[in-house]
Protein backbone atom coordinates (compact mmCIF):
# COMPACT_ATOMS: atom_id res chain seq x y z
CA UNK A 1 0.00 0.00 0.00
CA UNK A 2 2.87 2.34 0.76
CA UNK A 3 4.41 1.66 -2.67
CA UNK A 4 1.10 2.42 -4.42
CA UNK A 5 0.77 5.65 -2.48
CA UNK A 6 4.25 6.77 -3.39
CA UNK A 7 3.59 5.93 -7.02
CA UNK A 8 0.43 8.03 -7.05
CA UNK A 9 2.29 10.91 -5.44
CA UNK A 10 4.93 10.57 -8.16
CA UNK A 11 2.33 10.67 -10.92
CA UNK A 12 0.73 13.80 -9.45
CA UNK A 13 4.05 15.52 -9.13
CA UNK A 14 4.89 14.60 -12.70
CA UNK A 15 1.64 16.05 -13.96
CA UNK A 16 2.15 19.20 -11.94
CA UNK A 17 5.62 19.68 -13.27
CA UNK A 18 4.47 18.92 -16.75
CA UNK A 19 1.92 21.66 -16.56
CA UNK A 20 4.54 24.20 -15.59
CA UNK A 21 7.54 23.06 -17.59
CA UNK A 22 6.22 21.31 -20.69
CA UNK A 23 6.36 23.28 -23.84
CA UNK A 24 4.11 21.27 -26.03
CA UNK A 25 1.57 18.41 -25.83
CA UNK A 26 4.12 15.82 -26.86
CA UNK A 27 6.05 16.36 -23.66
CA UNK A 28 2.85 16.04 -21.57
CA UNK A 29 2.08 12.72 -23.18
CA UNK A 30 5.59 11.49 -22.38
CA UNK A 31 5.18 12.33 -18.68
CA UNK A 32 1.78 10.63 -18.47
CA UNK A 33 3.17 7.44 -19.95
CA UNK A 34 6.05 7.48 -17.46
CA UNK A 35 3.58 7.91 -14.53
CA UNK A 36 1.34 5.07 -15.71
CA UNK A 37 4.37 2.81 -16.09
CA UNK A 38 5.38 3.60 -12.50
CA UNK A 39 1.83 2.83 -11.31
CA UNK A 40 1.81 -0.53 -13.15
CA UNK A 41 5.20 -1.41 -11.67
CA UNK A 42 3.92 -0.63 -8.14
CA UNK A 43 0.80 -2.74 -8.65
CA UNK A 44 2.88 -5.69 -9.85
CA UNK A 45 5.15 -5.45 -6.82
CA UNK A 46 2.07 -5.33 -4.52
CA UNK A 47 0.53 -8.51 -5.92
CA UNK A 48 3.90 -10.25 -5.84
CA UNK A 49 4.40 -9.43 -2.14
CA UNK A 50 0.79 -9.90 -0.94
CA UNK A 51 0.95 -13.78 -0.25
CA UNK A 52 3.85 -13.39 2.14
CA UNK A 53 2.06 -10.61 3.95
CA UNK A 54 -1.21 -12.52 4.32
CA UNK A 55 0.55 -15.65 5.57
CA UNK A 56 2.48 -13.64 8.11
CA UNK A 57 -0.67 -11.81 9.21
CA UNK A 58 -2.45 -15.13 10.02
CA UNK A 59 0.02 -15.84 12.82
CA UNK A 60 -0.82 -12.53 14.50
CA UNK A 61 -3.81 -12.12 16.85
CA UNK A 62 -6.55 -10.01 15.35
CA UNK A 63 -7.11 -6.69 17.09
CA UNK A 64 -8.55 -3.28 16.41
CA UNK A 65 -6.04 -0.79 14.99
CA UNK A 66 -6.04 2.49 13.12
CA UNK A 67 -4.11 3.18 9.91
CA UNK A 68 -2.59 6.44 8.84
CA UNK A 69 -5.86 7.57 7.33
CA UNK A 70 -7.76 7.10 10.63
CA UNK A 71 -10.03 4.22 9.50
CA UNK A 72 -10.86 1.58 12.17
CA UNK A 73 -10.45 -2.14 11.42
CA UNK A 74 -13.04 -4.22 13.31
CA UNK A 75 -11.98 -7.78 14.22
CA UNK A 76 -14.16 -10.55 12.77
CA UNK A 77 -14.68 -13.88 14.61
CA UNK A 78 -13.68 -16.94 12.67
CA UNK A 79 -14.08 -20.69 13.23
CA UNK A 80 -10.55 -21.25 11.89
CA UNK A 81 -8.04 -21.51 14.73
CA UNK A 82 -4.73 -19.80 14.27
CA UNK A 83 -1.38 -21.51 14.73
CA UNK A 84 1.10 -21.08 17.54
CA UNK A 85 0.58 -21.28 21.31
CA UNK A 86 -2.79 -19.46 21.25
CA UNK A 87 -4.29 -22.02 18.88
CA UNK A 88 -2.92 -24.86 21.00
CA UNK A 89 -4.43 -23.46 24.20
CA UNK A 90 -7.79 -22.92 22.48
CA UNK A 91 -7.78 -26.49 21.21
CA UNK A 92 -6.90 -27.80 24.70
CA UNK A 93 -9.71 -25.80 26.29
CA UNK A 94 -12.19 -27.07 23.72
CA UNK A 95 -11.07 -30.65 24.34
CA UNK A 96 -11.47 -30.18 28.09
CA UNK A 97 -15.01 -28.85 27.62
CA UNK A 98 -15.94 -31.82 25.46
CA UNK A 99 -14.44 -34.21 28.01
CA UNK A 100 -16.43 -32.66 30.86
CA UNK A 101 -19.67 -32.91 28.90
CA UNK A 102 -19.14 -36.50 27.80
CA UNK A 103 -20.62 -38.22 30.95
CA UNK A 104 -23.96 -36.48 30.35
CA UNK A 105 -24.78 -38.95 27.61
CA UNK A 106 -26.77 -42.04 28.66
CA UNK A 107 -24.64 -45.18 28.94
CA UNK A 108 -25.47 -47.65 26.16
CA UNK A 109 -25.54 -50.56 28.62
CA UNK A 110 -28.24 -48.96 30.79
CA UNK A 111 -30.31 -48.12 27.71
CA UNK A 112 -30.08 -51.69 26.48
CA UNK A 113 -31.11 -52.99 29.89
CA UNK A 114 -34.20 -50.76 29.94
CA UNK A 115 -35.15 -51.89 26.45
CA UNK A 116 -34.80 -55.55 27.45
CA UNK A 117 -37.03 -55.05 30.50
CA UNK A 118 -39.69 -53.25 28.46
CA UNK A 119 -39.65 -56.04 25.91
CA UNK A 120 -39.92 -58.64 28.68
CA UNK A 121 -42.88 -56.79 30.24
CA UNK A 122 -44.66 -56.69 26.89
CA UNK A 123 -44.09 -60.39 26.37
CA UNK A 124 -45.38 -61.23 29.85
CA UNK A 125 -48.50 -59.13 29.29
CA UNK A 126 -49.18 -61.01 26.06
CA UNK A 127 -48.85 -64.38 27.84
CA UNK A 128 -51.07 -63.18 30.68
CA UNK A 129 -53.82 -62.20 28.24
CA UNK A 130 -53.56 -65.59 26.58
CA UNK A 131 -53.91 -67.31 29.97
CA UNK A 132 -56.99 -65.28 30.86
CA UNK A 133 -58.56 -66.20 27.52
CA UNK A 134 -58.01 -69.89 28.30
CA UNK A 135 -59.58 -69.36 31.72
CA UNK A 136 -62.72 -67.92 30.12
CA UNK A 137 -62.91 -71.05 27.99
CA UNK A 138 -62.61 -73.13 31.19
CA UNK A 139 -59.30 -74.60 30.06
CA UNK A 140 -57.84 -74.33 33.54
CA UNK A 141 -54.71 -76.48 33.26
CA UNK A 142 -53.79 -74.95 29.90
CA UNK A 143 -54.13 -71.52 31.50
CA UNK A 144 -51.95 -72.66 34.42
CA UNK A 145 -49.26 -73.78 31.98
CA UNK A 146 -49.43 -70.40 30.26
CA UNK A 147 -48.88 -68.57 33.56
CA UNK A 148 -46.01 -70.95 34.29
CA UNK A 149 -44.39 -69.94 30.99
CA UNK A 150 -44.47 -66.29 32.02
CA UNK A 151 -43.04 -67.12 35.46
CA UNK A 152 -40.21 -69.07 33.81
CA UNK A 153 -39.33 -66.03 31.70
CA UNK A 154 -39.14 -63.88 34.81
CA UNK A 155 -37.04 -66.46 36.62
CA UNK A 156 -34.58 -66.53 33.70
CA UNK A 157 -34.38 -62.74 33.75
CA UNK A 158 -33.79 -62.69 37.52
CA UNK A 159 -31.03 -65.27 37.23
CA UNK A 160 -29.31 -63.20 34.54
CA UNK A 161 -29.59 -60.04 36.65
CA UNK A 162 -28.59 -61.68 39.93
CA UNK A 163 -25.05 -60.30 39.85
CA UNK A 164 -26.24 -56.84 38.84
CA UNK A 165 -28.78 -56.87 41.65
CA UNK A 166 -26.03 -57.55 44.21
CA UNK A 167 -23.97 -54.71 42.81
CA UNK A 168 -26.97 -52.39 43.08
CA UNK A 169 -27.30 -53.16 46.78
CA UNK A 170 -30.04 -55.78 46.47
CA UNK A 171 -32.80 -53.51 45.24
CA UNK A 172 -36.18 -55.11 44.87
CA UNK A 173 -36.87 -56.26 41.34
CA UNK A 174 -39.51 -54.38 39.34
CA UNK A 175 -40.91 -57.77 38.29
CA UNK A 176 -41.97 -58.75 41.84
CA UNK A 177 -45.50 -57.44 41.39
CA UNK A 178 -45.92 -59.44 38.19
CA UNK A 179 -44.63 -62.55 39.96
CA UNK A 180 -47.31 -62.09 42.64
CA UNK A 181 -50.07 -61.58 40.05
CA UNK A 182 -49.07 -64.52 37.86
CA UNK A 183 -48.62 -66.90 40.82
CA UNK A 184 -52.01 -65.91 42.25
CA UNK A 185 -53.64 -66.46 38.85
CA UNK A 186 -52.03 -69.89 38.56
CA UNK A 187 -53.24 -70.74 42.06
CA UNK A 188 -56.79 -69.93 40.98
CA UNK A 189 -56.41 -72.21 37.96
CA UNK A 190 -55.18 -75.09 40.14
CA UNK A 191 -58.14 -74.63 42.48
CA UNK A 192 -60.58 -74.66 39.57
CA UNK A 193 -58.90 -77.77 38.16
CA UNK A 194 -59.24 -79.57 41.56
CA UNK A 195 -55.55 -79.54 42.48
CA UNK A 196 -55.80 -78.06 46.01
CA UNK A 197 -52.26 -78.90 47.09
CA UNK A 198 -50.76 -77.06 44.11
CA UNK A 199 -53.09 -74.14 44.78
CA UNK A 200 -52.01 -74.00 48.43
CA UNK A 201 -48.36 -74.05 47.41
CA UNK A 202 -48.88 -71.05 45.14
CA UNK A 203 -50.85 -69.26 47.88
CA UNK A 204 -47.91 -69.71 50.23
CA UNK A 205 -45.54 -68.32 47.58
CA UNK A 206 -47.74 -65.23 47.15
CA UNK A 207 -48.02 -64.64 50.91
CA UNK A 208 -44.25 -64.90 51.28
CA UNK A 209 -43.92 -61.91 48.95
CA UNK A 210 -47.04 -60.05 50.13
CA UNK A 211 -48.45 -61.15 53.54
CA UNK A 212 -51.42 -58.78 53.14
CA UNK A 213 -52.63 -60.32 49.85
CA UNK A 214 -56.36 -60.72 50.47
CA UNK A 215 -57.16 -62.98 47.50
CA UNK A 216 -54.44 -65.49 48.38
CA UNK A 217 -55.56 -65.66 52.02
CA UNK A 218 -59.21 -66.03 51.07
CA UNK A 219 -58.38 -68.86 48.67
CA UNK A 220 -56.19 -70.54 51.30
CA UNK A 221 -59.06 -70.27 53.83
CA UNK A 222 -61.47 -71.83 51.37
CA UNK A 223 -59.17 -74.76 50.54
CA UNK A 224 -58.25 -75.46 54.17
CA UNK A 225 -61.90 -75.47 55.15
CA UNK A 226 -62.71 -77.92 52.34
CA UNK A 227 -59.96 -80.20 53.70
CA UNK A 228 -61.44 -79.93 57.23
CA UNK A 229 -58.29 -78.25 58.52
CA UNK A 230 -60.37 -75.95 60.67
CA UNK A 231 -57.65 -74.75 63.02
CA UNK A 232 -55.45 -73.53 60.12
CA UNK A 233 -58.50 -72.01 58.47
CA UNK A 234 -59.25 -70.03 61.63
CA UNK A 235 -55.72 -68.61 61.50
CA UNK A 236 -56.46 -67.24 58.03
CA UNK A 237 -59.73 -65.76 59.32
CA UNK A 238 -57.84 -63.95 62.09
CA UNK A 239 -55.29 -62.61 59.59
CA UNK A 240 -58.03 -61.26 57.33
CA UNK A 241 -59.93 -59.71 60.20
CA UNK A 242 -56.79 -58.06 61.61
CA UNK A 243 -56.01 -56.50 58.23
CA UNK A 244 -59.58 -55.25 57.98
CA UNK A 245 -59.36 -53.69 61.46
CA UNK A 246 -55.98 -52.16 60.69
CA UNK A 247 -57.23 -50.61 57.44
CA UNK A 248 -60.18 -49.02 59.28
CA UNK A 249 -58.48 -48.16 62.59
CA UNK A 250 -58.82 -44.38 62.12
CA UNK A 251 -62.57 -44.62 61.48
CA UNK A 252 -63.05 -47.02 64.38
CA UNK A 253 -61.28 -44.63 66.76
CA UNK A 254 -63.62 -41.85 65.70
CA UNK A 255 -66.66 -44.08 66.07
CA UNK A 256 -67.35 -44.06 62.32
CA UNK A 257 -68.54 -47.14 60.43
CA UNK A 258 -65.74 -49.01 58.61
CA UNK A 259 -65.44 -49.09 54.85
CA UNK A 260 -67.22 -52.11 53.45
CA UNK A 261 -68.27 -55.31 55.21
CA UNK A 262 -65.77 -57.58 57.01
CA UNK A 263 -63.90 -60.02 54.75
CA UNK A 264 -65.28 -63.01 56.67
CA UNK A 265 -68.91 -63.04 57.86
CA UNK A 266 -69.63 -63.69 61.51
CA UNK A 267 -71.51 -66.89 60.64
CA UNK A 268 -68.36 -68.37 59.09
CA UNK A 269 -66.31 -67.58 62.21
CA UNK A 270 -68.93 -69.19 64.47
CA UNK A 271 -69.02 -72.24 62.23
CA UNK A 272 -65.26 -72.71 62.41
CA UNK A 273 -65.27 -72.24 66.18
CA UNK A 274 -68.02 -74.82 66.51
CA UNK A 275 -65.76 -77.34 64.75
CA UNK A 276 -62.70 -76.47 66.83
CA UNK A 277 -64.36 -76.15 70.27
CA UNK A 278 -65.16 -79.86 70.84
CA UNK A 279 -61.63 -80.83 69.87
CA UNK A 280 -60.18 -78.28 72.28
CA UNK A 281 -62.46 -79.38 75.13
CA UNK A 282 -61.55 -83.02 74.58
CA UNK A 283 -57.85 -82.17 74.52
CA UNK A 284 -58.14 -80.14 77.74
CA UNK A 285 -60.01 -82.97 79.49
CA UNK A 286 -57.35 -85.47 78.49
CA UNK A 287 -54.64 -83.19 79.81
CA UNK A 288 -56.47 -82.73 83.15
CA UNK A 289 -57.03 -86.47 83.49
CA UNK A 290 -53.36 -87.20 82.98
CA UNK A 291 -52.27 -84.35 85.31
CA UNK A 292 -50.26 -82.96 82.45
CA UNK A 293 -51.56 -79.43 82.88
CA UNK A 294 -48.62 -77.07 82.95
CA UNK A 295 -48.74 -74.12 85.29
CA UNK A 296 -48.41 -70.96 83.27
CA UNK A 297 -46.94 -67.78 84.73
CA UNK A 298 -49.19 -64.73 84.85
CA UNK A 299 -48.37 -61.79 82.60
CA UNK A 300 -45.93 -59.25 84.02
CA UNK A 301 -47.12 -55.98 85.54
CA UNK A 302 -45.60 -54.12 82.60
CA UNK A 303 -47.62 -56.18 80.12
CA UNK A 304 -50.84 -55.57 82.03
CA UNK A 305 -50.22 -51.82 82.26
CA UNK A 306 -49.51 -51.60 78.54
CA UNK A 307 -52.72 -53.49 77.82
CA UNK A 308 -54.72 -51.13 80.02
CA UNK A 309 -53.14 -48.10 78.35
CA UNK A 310 -54.41 -49.32 74.98
CA UNK A 311 -57.99 -48.54 76.14
CA UNK A 312 -59.35 -45.06 75.58
CA UNK A 313 -60.69 -44.87 79.16
CA UNK A 314 -57.32 -45.50 80.83
CA UNK A 315 -56.82 -41.89 82.00
CA UNK A 316 -60.30 -41.77 83.55
CA UNK A 317 -59.69 -45.06 85.33
CA UNK A 318 -56.49 -43.71 86.85
CA UNK A 319 -58.26 -40.54 87.95
CA UNK A 320 -60.98 -42.58 89.68
CA UNK A 321 -58.38 -44.85 91.28
CA UNK A 322 -56.55 -41.87 92.76
CA UNK A 323 -59.72 -40.70 94.49
CA UNK A 324 -61.20 -44.07 95.45
CA UNK A 325 -58.93 -45.12 98.35
CA UNK A 326 -55.97 -47.37 99.07
CA UNK A 327 -55.48 -51.06 98.31
CA UNK A 328 -55.76 -51.88 102.04
CA UNK A 329 -59.16 -50.21 102.25
CA UNK A 330 -60.61 -52.31 99.45
CA UNK A 331 -59.03 -55.48 100.86
CA UNK A 332 -60.66 -54.97 104.27
CA UNK A 333 -64.03 -54.34 102.65
CA UNK A 334 -63.72 -57.60 100.70
CA UNK A 335 -62.95 -59.50 103.92
CA UNK A 336 -66.03 -58.05 105.61
CA UNK A 337 -68.39 -59.34 102.92
CA UNK A 338 -70.71 -62.15 104.02
CA UNK A 339 -69.48 -65.25 102.23
CA UNK A 340 -72.38 -67.39 103.46
CA UNK A 341 -75.28 -65.62 101.84
CA UNK A 342 -77.72 -68.41 100.89
CA UNK A 343 -78.31 -68.86 97.15
CA UNK A 344 -82.02 -69.19 97.70
CA UNK A 345 -82.07 -65.47 98.44
CA UNK A 346 -81.17 -64.55 94.88
CA UNK A 347 -81.47 -60.82 95.44
CA UNK A 348 -79.10 -60.83 98.39
CA UNK A 349 -76.71 -63.16 96.62
CA UNK A 350 -76.67 -60.98 93.49
CA UNK A 351 -76.08 -57.85 95.56
CA UNK A 352 -73.21 -59.57 97.36
CA UNK A 353 -71.59 -60.72 94.08
CA UNK A 354 -72.01 -57.26 92.50
CA UNK A 355 -70.43 -55.59 95.52
CA UNK A 356 -67.56 -58.05 95.47
CA UNK A 357 -66.98 -57.46 91.74
CA UNK A 358 -66.99 -53.69 92.26
CA UNK A 359 -64.48 -53.93 95.10
CA UNK A 360 -62.21 -56.20 93.07
CA UNK A 361 -62.34 -53.77 90.14
CA UNK A 362 -61.55 -50.79 92.36
CA UNK A 363 -58.68 -52.62 94.03
CA UNK A 364 -57.27 -53.67 90.63
CA UNK A 365 -57.37 -50.10 89.37
CA UNK A 366 -55.60 -48.90 92.50
CA UNK A 367 -52.91 -51.54 91.97
CA UNK A 368 -52.40 -50.21 88.47
CA UNK A 369 -52.30 -46.61 89.73
CA UNK A 370 -49.68 -47.39 92.36
């Protein structure tokens, strides 16, 4: 650029001098030709030197500067990285950023595992629908075999994931709920097909995974009752009734009616007890006849107090006991009662027994208070 500028200045000076010193037009033409030749020479030199200048400029950092004419050069951002130490540091920083962002991507192994589980779930659902269709057609054993096929698939999956499960800290498998459902369905098929022992085995497997499973307990109760195993059936009744009471405990505390009827009707409980009671009486009589009755220790004071505290009227009982008198007072009153009141005087005998019961209750409450 400097060479071009000097050339232009030379041309202007030549023209100026030619205007003052030239005598005729032929001399002016000669000066113009000389100036144009100088301009062409300068342009050729500029193009010849421009590659070296551009290559040397690429190694320099771009910045704003002002030339002699006062014009401002604005730096332009480029995706091309320059050479030298600055380019190396930029590349290193970019690599570090990419390295830090790399873990954000989902691991391929975890994605494959999720896909396998989804595919397994879909397959199990298809088999389950096929089993239910066989049940509607009353093909009970075929339906049981279908549910067994689904359970075998789950068992194979669990065996393959056993090591992974230990590494995860033994987390509960997501397939557990399906195992419970399929095993319960197969138990129902065995019951319908008159294979009670197989049905009971599946009921036990369901209750091992979910002790509060109502359908499995109800089926177990029904099968045990049909086999005249009344004592075991009564255990299932108690379990169902306890779950029912536990589910409705908040309403029962407030005096509200529970949700829905009890799982086992009162008539069924009385029927089972009527079967068990004669057996228990006979067993107790045999034990008394053989003097094999074992003396059982009474519950501890702590156990009795905790039982009393479970009643809503415990605080009122303690308040009455504090005001009613000492244990010695009630004991002396019991000793003063007439033990020989004749039974033929029913009114006097009833009054005596009622008074004795009241004194015993008051003395027991005072014991608990003290």
